[in-house]
Amino acid sequence: MVMPTSITGVKVEFLEFPAIVTPPASTKSYFLGGAGVRGLDINVEFVKFTGLGVYLEDKAVASLAAKWSGKTPLELFESLDFYRDIIKGPFEKLIRGTKVRTLPGPEYVRKVSENCVAHMKSVGTYGDAEEKAIQKFRDAFKDQHFPPGSTVFYKQSPKGTLGLYFSKDETIPEHEHTVIENKALSEAVLETMIGEIPVSPALKESLATRFCEFLKDDNLFIAN
């Protein structure tokens, strides 16, 4: 594999997010756009729950370069449009969410789905199809339990397919647990992580810092 020197791995707590990942039975690799922790302020203490990493197809850089090349990390971080261009961009994304603390599946998906529904309603994309998609999304997690180190992977296609994978560690399973065909929900999952009301400002900052460097070479190419 040829890997540009600007692409490095990231460590979030005890979790290692490698620079490049290649799913099993796939010839396509994804590079790490950024990674950061997700947590909540509980009784004046910031409690960390999940390490999040966003991986993208290499063509994401060329797709974003025309509009965002030459911007500073701060300019990227302060621009919601930059993150929306990642969320809605015509390239695949693979999101990794590895647990730092134990979380029951139903508890985890309750908050994630609430955030997704709130966003879709706020932008007018929540209808009958999305209600059914959310129920399928919730059902996928109902029998899951996530100890520290276990992972949820979200694979997103530009057409709106959302694939869910569950792993006991950081390895990507060969087959999806659940596939949901709903573009609004798929985009909402990433929107709630890095959009207007993000659950991980650290992930947003990491994306801005790293993409500032990636965009200096809009011909970035990952060869297997």
C-alpha atoms as a PDB file:
ATOM      1  CA  MET A   1       0.000   0.000   0.000  1.00  0.00           C
ATOM      2  CA  VAL A   2       1.229   3.489  -0.820  1.00  0.00           C
ATOM      3  CA  MET A   3       0.369   5.907   1.957  1.00  0.00           C
ATOM      4  CA  PRO A   4       0.899   9.670   1.845  1.00  0.00           C
ATOM      5  CA  THR A   5       3.145  10.811   4.695  1.00  0.00           C
ATOM      6  CA  SER A   6       0.489  13.263   5.896  1.00  0.00           C
ATOM      7  CA  ILE A   7      -1.848  10.423   6.862  1.00  0.00           C
ATOM      8  CA  THR A   8      -1.116   9.169  10.356  1.00  0.00           C
ATOM      9  CA  GLY A   9      -3.004   7.206  12.970  1.00  0.00           C
ATOM     10  CA  VAL A  10      -4.614   8.812  16.013  1.00  0.00           C
ATOM     11  CA  LYS A  11      -4.797   7.626  19.614  1.00  0.00           C
ATOM     12  CA  VAL A  12      -7.977   8.381  21.583  1.00  0.00           C
ATOM     13  CA  GLU A  13      -7.658   7.344  25.223  1.00  0.00           C
ATOM     14  CA  PHE A  14      -6.405   3.723  25.008  1.00  0.00           C
ATOM     15  CA  LEU A  15      -7.789   3.270  21.488  1.00  0.00           C
ATOM     16  CA  GLU A  16      -5.622   3.228  18.371  1.00  0.00           C
ATOM     17  CA  PHE A  17      -7.175   4.472  15.128  1.00  0.00           C
ATOM     18  CA  PRO A  18      -4.886   3.387  12.259  1.00  0.00           C
ATOM     19  CA  ALA A  19      -4.199   5.671   9.315  1.00  0.00           C
ATOM     20  CA  ILE A  20      -5.712   3.253   6.778  1.00  0.00           C
ATOM     21  CA  VAL A  21      -8.294   0.474   7.083  1.00  0.00           C
ATOM     22  CA  THR A  22      -9.405  -2.123   4.551  1.00  0.00           C
ATOM     23  CA  PRO A  23     -12.586  -4.081   5.366  1.00  0.00           C
ATOM     24  CA  PRO A  24     -12.520  -7.885   4.956  1.00  0.00           C
ATOM     25  CA  ALA A  25     -13.346  -9.203   1.482  1.00  0.00           C
ATOM     26  CA  SER A  26     -12.890  -5.694   0.088  1.00  0.00           C
ATOM     27  CA  THR A  27     -10.346  -4.200  -2.265  1.00  0.00           C
ATOM     28  CA  LYS A  28     -11.175  -0.671  -1.127  1.00  0.00           C
ATOM     29  CA  SER A  29      -9.251   1.123   1.617  1.00  0.00           C
ATOM     30  CA  TYR A  30     -10.301   4.166   3.624  1.00  0.00           C
ATOM     31  CA  PHE A  31      -8.091   6.826   5.199  1.00  0.00           C
ATOM     32  CA  LEU A  32      -8.580   8.320   8.655  1.00  0.00           C
ATOM     33  CA  GLY A  33     -10.060  11.792   8.334  1.00  0.00           C
ATOM     34  CA  GLY A  34     -10.052  12.394  12.073  1.00  0.00           C
ATOM     35  CA  ALA A  35     -10.759  10.888  15.480  1.00  0.00           C
ATOM     36  CA  GLY A  36     -11.839  12.129  18.899  1.00  0.00           C
ATOM     37  CA  VAL A  37     -13.657  11.277  22.088  1.00  0.00           C
ATOM     38  CA  ARG A  38     -17.376  11.451  22.763  1.00  0.00           C
ATOM     39  CA  GLY A  39     -18.480  12.188  26.290  1.00  0.00           C
ATOM     40  CA  LEU A  40     -20.938  13.975  28.550  1.00  0.00           C
ATOM     41  CA  ASP A  41     -20.640  16.400  31.435  1.00  0.00           C
ATOM     42  CA  ILE A  42     -22.040  14.541  34.448  1.00  0.00           C
ATOM     43  CA  ASN A  43     -21.926  16.227  37.857  1.00  0.00           C
ATOM     44  CA  VAL A  44     -19.302  18.734  36.632  1.00  0.00           C
ATOM     45  CA  GLU A  45     -17.104  15.871  35.381  1.00  0.00           C
ATOM     46  CA  PHE A  46     -16.518  15.085  31.695  1.00  0.00           C
ATOM     47  CA  VAL A  47     -17.239  11.369  31.369  1.00  0.00           C
ATOM     48  CA  LYS A  48     -15.811   9.724  28.249  1.00  0.00           C
ATOM     49  CA  PHE A  49     -17.906   7.029  26.603  1.00  0.00           C
ATOM     50  CA  THR A  50     -16.714   6.439  23.045  1.00  0.00           C
ATOM     51  CA  GLY A  51     -13.784   7.019  20.716  1.00  0.00           C
ATOM     52  CA  LEU A  52     -15.002   8.057  17.271  1.00  0.00           C
ATOM     53  CA  GLY A  53     -13.095   7.886  13.996  1.00  0.00           C
ATOM     54  CA  VAL A  54     -14.252   8.920  10.527  1.00  0.00           C
ATOM     55  CA  TYR A  55     -12.670   7.111   7.571  1.00  0.00           C
ATOM     56  CA  LEU A  56     -13.243   8.195   3.975  1.00  0.00           C
ATOM     57  CA  GLU A  57     -12.567   7.160   0.399  1.00  0.00           C
ATOM     58  CA  ASP A  58      -9.459   8.830  -1.016  1.00  0.00           C
ATOM     59  CA  LYS A  59     -11.539  10.763  -3.561  1.00  0.00           C
ATOM     60  CA  ALA A  60     -12.999  12.750  -0.656  1.00  0.00           C
ATOM     61  CA  VAL A  61      -9.924  14.986  -0.711  1.00  0.00           C
ATOM     62  CA  ALA A  62     -10.312  15.965  -4.375  1.00  0.00           C
ATOM     63  CA  SER A  63     -14.047  16.458  -3.811  1.00  0.00           C
ATOM     64  CA  LEU A  64     -13.426  18.932  -0.976  1.00  0.00           C
ATOM     65  CA  ALA A  65     -10.308  20.628  -2.339  1.00  0.00           C
ATOM     66  CA  ALA A  66     -11.869  23.142  -4.736  1.00  0.00           C
ATOM     67  CA  LYS A  67     -13.862  24.812  -1.979  1.00  0.00           C
ATOM     68  CA  TRP A  68     -11.704  24.269   1.094  1.00  0.00           C
ATOM     69  CA  SER A  69      -8.053  24.124   0.023  1.00  0.00           C
ATOM     70  CA  GLY A  70      -5.979  26.899   1.598  1.00  0.00           C
ATOM     71  CA  LYS A  71      -8.201  27.294   4.671  1.00  0.00           C
ATOM     72  CA  THR A  72      -6.647  27.204   8.126  1.00  0.00           C
ATOM     73  CA  PRO A  73      -7.693  24.590  10.701  1.00  0.00           C
ATOM     74  CA  LEU A  74      -9.621  27.292  12.573  1.00  0.00           C
ATOM     75  CA  GLU A  75     -11.442  28.405   9.417  1.00  0.00           C
ATOM     76  CA  LEU A  76     -12.443  24.809   8.704  1.00  0.00           C
ATOM     77  CA  PHE A  77     -13.455  24.177  12.326  1.00  0.00           C
ATOM     78  CA  GLU A  78     -15.685  27.250  12.400  1.00  0.00           C
ATOM     79  CA  SER A  79     -17.432  26.443   9.103  1.00  0.00           C
ATOM     80  CA  LEU A  80     -20.514  24.243   9.364  1.00  0.00           C
ATOM     81  CA  ASP A  81     -20.540  24.051   5.559  1.00  0.00           C
ATOM     82  CA  PHE A  82     -17.190  22.219   5.632  1.00  0.00           C
ATOM     83  CA  TYR A  83     -18.617  19.465   7.808  1.00  0.00           C
ATOM     84  CA  ARG A  84     -21.835  19.345   5.815  1.00  0.00           C
ATOM     85  CA  ASP A  85     -19.744  18.823   2.665  1.00  0.00           C
ATOM     86  CA  ILE A  86     -18.165  15.814   4.366  1.00  0.00           C
ATOM     87  CA  ILE A  87     -21.530  14.502   5.543  1.00  0.00           C
ATOM     88  CA  LYS A  88     -23.211  14.890   2.145  1.00  0.00           C
ATOM     89  CA  GLY A  89     -20.151  14.332  -0.039  1.00  0.00           C
ATOM     90  CA  PRO A  90     -20.235  11.878  -2.996  1.00  0.00           C
ATOM     91  CA  PHE A  91     -17.840   9.409  -1.395  1.00  0.00           C
ATOM     92  CA  GLU A  92     -18.090   6.510   1.015  1.00  0.00           C
ATOM     93  CA  LYS A  93     -17.494   6.900   4.740  1.00  0.00           C
ATOM     94  CA  LEU A  94     -16.737   4.307   7.386  1.00  0.00           C
ATOM     95  CA  ILE A  95     -17.342   5.500  10.935  1.00  0.00           C
ATOM     96  CA  ARG A  96     -15.855   3.611  13.852  1.00  0.00           C
ATOM     97  CA  GLY A  97     -17.261   4.040  17.354  1.00  0.00           C
ATOM     98  CA  THR A  98     -15.300   2.080  19.977  1.00  0.00           C
ATOM     99  CA  LYS A  99     -16.473   2.083  23.565  1.00  0.00           C
ATOM    100  CA  VAL A 100     -14.357   3.499  26.375  1.00  0.00           C
ATOM    101  CA  ARG A 101     -17.003   2.593  28.976  1.00  0.00           C
ATOM    102  CA  THR A 102     -19.538  -0.211  29.056  1.00  0.00           C
ATOM    103  CA  LEU A 103     -22.815   0.686  27.360  1.00  0.00           C
ATOM    104  CA  PRO A 104     -25.913  -1.482  26.840  1.00  0.00           C
ATOM    105  CA  GLY A 105     -27.063  -1.428  23.226  1.00  0.00           C
ATOM    106  CA  PRO A 106     -30.564  -0.096  23.977  1.00  0.00           C
ATOM    107  CA  GLU A 107     -29.166   2.744  26.084  1.00  0.00           C
ATOM    108  CA  TYR A 108     -26.660   3.677  23.390  1.00  0.00           C
ATOM    109  CA  VAL A 109     -29.120   3.620  20.517  1.00  0.00           C
ATOM    110  CA  ARG A 110     -31.784   5.519  22.454  1.00  0.00           C
ATOM    111  CA  LYS A 111     -29.638   8.644  22.616  1.00  0.00           C
ATOM    112  CA  VAL A 112     -28.224   8.265  19.108  1.00  0.00           C
ATOM    113  CA  SER A 113     -31.671   7.802  17.583  1.00  0.00           C
ATOM    114  CA  GLU A 114     -33.117  10.724  19.572  1.00  0.00           C
ATOM    115  CA  ASN A 115     -30.387  12.977  18.221  1.00  0.00           C
ATOM    116  CA  CYS A 116     -30.964  11.735  14.667  1.00  0.00           C
ATOM    117  CA  VAL A 117     -34.731  12.263  14.859  1.00  0.00           C
ATOM    118  CA  ALA A 118     -34.267  15.752  16.321  1.00  0.00           C
ATOM    119  CA  HIS A 119     -31.961  16.720  13.468  1.00  0.00           C
ATOM    120  CA  MET A 120     -34.166  15.270  10.730  1.00  0.00           C
ATOM    121  CA  LYS A 121     -37.206  17.063  12.131  1.00  0.00           C
ATOM    122  CA  SER A 122     -35.268  20.332  12.322  1.00  0.00           C
ATOM    123  CA  VAL A 123     -34.334  20.191   8.623  1.00  0.00           C
ATOM    124  CA  GLY A 124     -37.650  18.753   7.406  1.00  0.00           C
ATOM    125  CA  THR A 125     -36.446  15.322   6.299  1.00  0.00           C
ATOM    126  CA  TYR A 126     -38.358  13.213   8.834  1.00  0.00           C
ATOM    127  CA  GLY A 127     -41.328  11.333   7.388  1.00  0.00           C
ATOM    128  CA  ASP A 128     -42.909   7.884   7.389  1.00  0.00           C
ATOM    129  CA  ALA A 129     -39.898   6.266   5.704  1.00  0.00           C
ATOM    130  CA  GLU A 130     -37.536   7.771   8.253  1.00  0.00           C
ATOM    131  CA  GLU A 131     -39.751   6.655  11.151  1.00  0.00           C
ATOM    132  CA  LYS A 132     -39.544   3.076   9.847  1.00  0.00           C
ATOM    133  CA  ALA A 133     -35.785   3.417   9.325  1.00  0.00           C
ATOM    134  CA  ILE A 134     -35.306   4.640  12.900  1.00  0.00           C
ATOM    135  CA  GLN A 135     -37.252   1.653  14.225  1.00  0.00           C
ATOM    136  CA  LYS A 136     -35.056  -0.728  12.219  1.00  0.00           C
ATOM    137  CA  PHE A 137     -32.010   1.144  13.527  1.00  0.00           C
ATOM    138  CA  ARG A 138     -33.178   0.738  17.137  1.00  0.00           C
ATOM    139  CA  ASP A 139     -34.054  -2.925  16.647  1.00  0.00           C
ATOM    140  CA  ALA A 140     -30.510  -3.649  15.446  1.00  0.00           C
ATOM    141  CA  PHE A 141     -29.109  -2.635  18.841  1.00  0.00           C
ATOM    142  CA  LYS A 142     -31.699  -4.158  21.159  1.00  0.00           C
ATOM    143  CA  ASP A 143     -29.723  -7.355  21.867  1.00  0.00           C
ATOM    144  CA  GLN A 144     -26.270  -5.741  21.802  1.00  0.00           C
ATOM    145  CA  HIS A 145     -23.995  -5.054  24.762  1.00  0.00           C
ATOM    146  CA  PHE A 146     -20.824  -3.019  24.421  1.00  0.00           C
ATOM    147  CA  PRO A 147     -17.987  -3.537  26.936  1.00  0.00           C
ATOM    148  CA  PRO A 148     -14.869  -1.344  26.666  1.00  0.00           C
ATOM    149  CA  GLY A 149     -13.053  -1.983  23.400  1.00  0.00           C
ATOM    150  CA  SER A 150     -16.108  -3.194  21.489  1.00  0.00           C
ATOM    151  CA  THR A 151     -17.073  -1.337  18.334  1.00  0.00           C
ATOM    152  CA  VAL A 152     -19.955  -0.199  16.165  1.00  0.00           C
ATOM    153  CA  PHE A 153     -19.071   0.483  12.528  1.00  0.00           C
ATOM    154  CA  TYR A 154     -21.303   2.576  10.274  1.00  0.00           C
ATOM    155  CA  LYS A 155     -20.648   2.251   6.541  1.00  0.00           C
ATOM    156  CA  GLN A 156     -22.269   4.968   4.470  1.00  0.00           C
ATOM    157  CA  SER A 157     -22.694   5.095   0.698  1.00  0.00           C
ATOM    158  CA  PRO A 158     -23.409   8.311  -1.241  1.00  0.00           C
ATOM    159  CA  LYS A 159     -26.742   6.813  -2.316  1.00  0.00           C
ATOM    160  CA  GLY A 160     -27.891   6.613   1.291  1.00  0.00           C
ATOM    161  CA  THR A 161     -27.245   3.004   2.314  1.00  0.00           C
ATOM    162  CA  LEU A 162     -26.298   2.657   5.984  1.00  0.00           C
ATOM    163  CA  GLY A 163     -24.594  -0.592   6.987  1.00  0.00           C
ATOM    164  CA  LEU A 164     -24.189  -1.505  10.672  1.00  0.00           C
ATOM    165  CA  TYR A 165     -21.438  -3.800  11.945  1.00  0.00           C
ATOM    166  CA  PHE A 166     -20.869  -4.929  15.543  1.00  0.00           C
ATOM    167  CA  SER A 167     -17.463  -6.135  16.711  1.00  0.00           C
ATOM    168  CA  LYS A 168     -16.029  -7.326  20.035  1.00  0.00           C
ATOM    169  CA  ASP A 169     -12.870  -5.353  19.266  1.00  0.00           C
ATOM    170  CA  GLU A 170     -11.610  -2.925  16.602  1.00  0.00           C
ATOM    171  CA  THR A 171     -11.692  -5.415  13.720  1.00  0.00           C
ATOM    172  CA  ILE A 172     -14.271  -4.914  10.977  1.00  0.00           C
ATOM    173  CA  PRO A 173     -16.636  -7.882  10.545  1.00  0.00           C
ATOM    174  CA  GLU A 174     -16.941  -9.389   7.088  1.00  0.00           C
ATOM    175  CA  HIS A 175     -20.709  -8.938   6.867  1.00  0.00           C
ATOM    176  CA  GLU A 176     -23.139  -6.245   7.986  1.00  0.00           C
ATOM    177  CA  HIS A 177     -25.465  -6.995  10.879  1.00  0.00           C
ATOM    178  CA  THR A 178     -28.117  -4.682   9.417  1.00  0.00           C
ATOM    179  CA  VAL A 179     -28.512  -2.628   6.242  1.00  0.00           C
ATOM    180  CA  ILE A 180     -30.851   0.377   6.175  1.00  0.00           C
ATOM    181  CA  GLU A 181     -31.758   2.141   2.937  1.00  0.00           C
ATOM    182  CA  ASN A 182     -32.486   5.680   4.051  1.00  0.00           C
ATOM    183  CA  LYS A 183     -30.340   8.643   3.031  1.00  0.00           C
ATOM    184  CA  ALA A 184     -31.751  11.073   5.605  1.00  0.00           C
ATOM    185  CA  LEU A 185     -30.976   8.736   8.501  1.00  0.00           C
ATOM    186  CA  SER A 186     -27.541   7.838   7.164  1.00  0.00           C
ATOM    187  CA  GLU A 187     -26.574  11.507   6.937  1.00  0.00           C
ATOM    188  CA  ALA A 188     -28.116  12.256  10.334  1.00  0.00           C
ATOM    189  CA  VAL A 189     -25.850   9.708  12.039  1.00  0.00           C
ATOM    190  CA  LEU A 190     -22.734  11.623  10.984  1.00  0.00           C
ATOM    191  CA  GLU A 191     -24.431  15.006  11.368  1.00  0.00           C
ATOM    192  CA  THR A 192     -25.007  14.339  15.068  1.00  0.00           C
ATOM    193  CA  MET A 193     -21.289  13.588  15.473  1.00  0.00           C
ATOM    194  CA  ILE A 194     -19.746  16.518  13.593  1.00  0.00           C
ATOM    195  CA  GLY A 195     -22.587  18.831  12.557  1.00  0.00           C
ATOM    196  CA  GLU A 196     -24.232  21.840  14.126  1.00  0.00           C
ATOM    197  CA  ILE A 197     -24.779  20.204  17.543  1.00  0.00           C
ATOM    198  CA  PRO A 198     -21.928  17.676  17.662  1.00  0.00           C
ATOM    199  CA  VAL A 199     -21.514  14.953  20.260  1.00  0.00           C
ATOM    200  CA  SER A 200     -17.760  15.098  19.625  1.00  0.00           C
ATOM    201  CA  PRO A 201     -16.194  18.559  19.228  1.00  0.00           C
ATOM    202  CA  ALA A 202     -12.842  16.767  19.524  1.00  0.00           C
ATOM    203  CA  LEU A 203     -13.621  14.794  16.353  1.00  0.00           C
ATOM    204  CA  LYS A 204     -14.545  18.019  14.550  1.00  0.00           C
ATOM    205  CA  GLU A 205     -11.273  19.617  15.599  1.00  0.00           C
ATOM    206  CA  SER A 206      -9.302  16.569  14.469  1.00  0.00           C
ATOM    207  CA  LEU A 207     -10.982  16.597  11.044  1.00  0.00           C
ATOM    208  CA  ALA A 208     -10.253  20.297  10.573  1.00  0.00           C
ATOM    209  CA  THR A 209      -6.616  19.985  11.607  1.00  0.00           C
ATOM    210  CA  ARG A 210      -5.906  16.941   9.473  1.00  0.00           C
ATOM    211  CA  PHE A 211      -7.853  18.073   6.396  1.00  0.00           C
ATOM    212  CA  CYS A 212      -5.936  21.346   6.376  1.00  0.00           C
ATOM    213  CA  GLU A 213      -2.903  19.192   5.567  1.00  0.00           C
ATOM    214  CA  PHE A 214      -4.671  16.695   3.279  1.00  0.00           C
ATOM    215  CA  LEU A 215      -6.057  19.496   1.115  1.00  0.00           C
ATOM    216  CA  LYS A 216      -2.561  20.696   0.299  1.00  0.00           C
ATOM    217  CA  ASP A 217      -2.369  17.608  -1.932  1.00  0.00           C
ATOM    218  CA  ASP A 218      -5.714  17.150  -3.661  1.00  0.00           C
ATOM    219  CA  ASN A 219      -4.308  14.198  -5.609  1.00  0.00           C
ATOM    220  CA  LEU A 220      -4.128  12.027  -2.515  1.00  0.00           C
ATOM    221  CA  PHE A 221      -4.415   8.414  -3.618  1.00  0.00           C
ATOM    222  CA  ILE A 222      -4.428   5.213  -1.602  1.00  0.00           C
ATOM    223  CA  ALA A 223      -3.215   2.271  -3.668  1.00  0.00           C
ATOM    224  CA  ASN A 224      -3.578  -1.330  -2.594  1.00  0.00           C
END
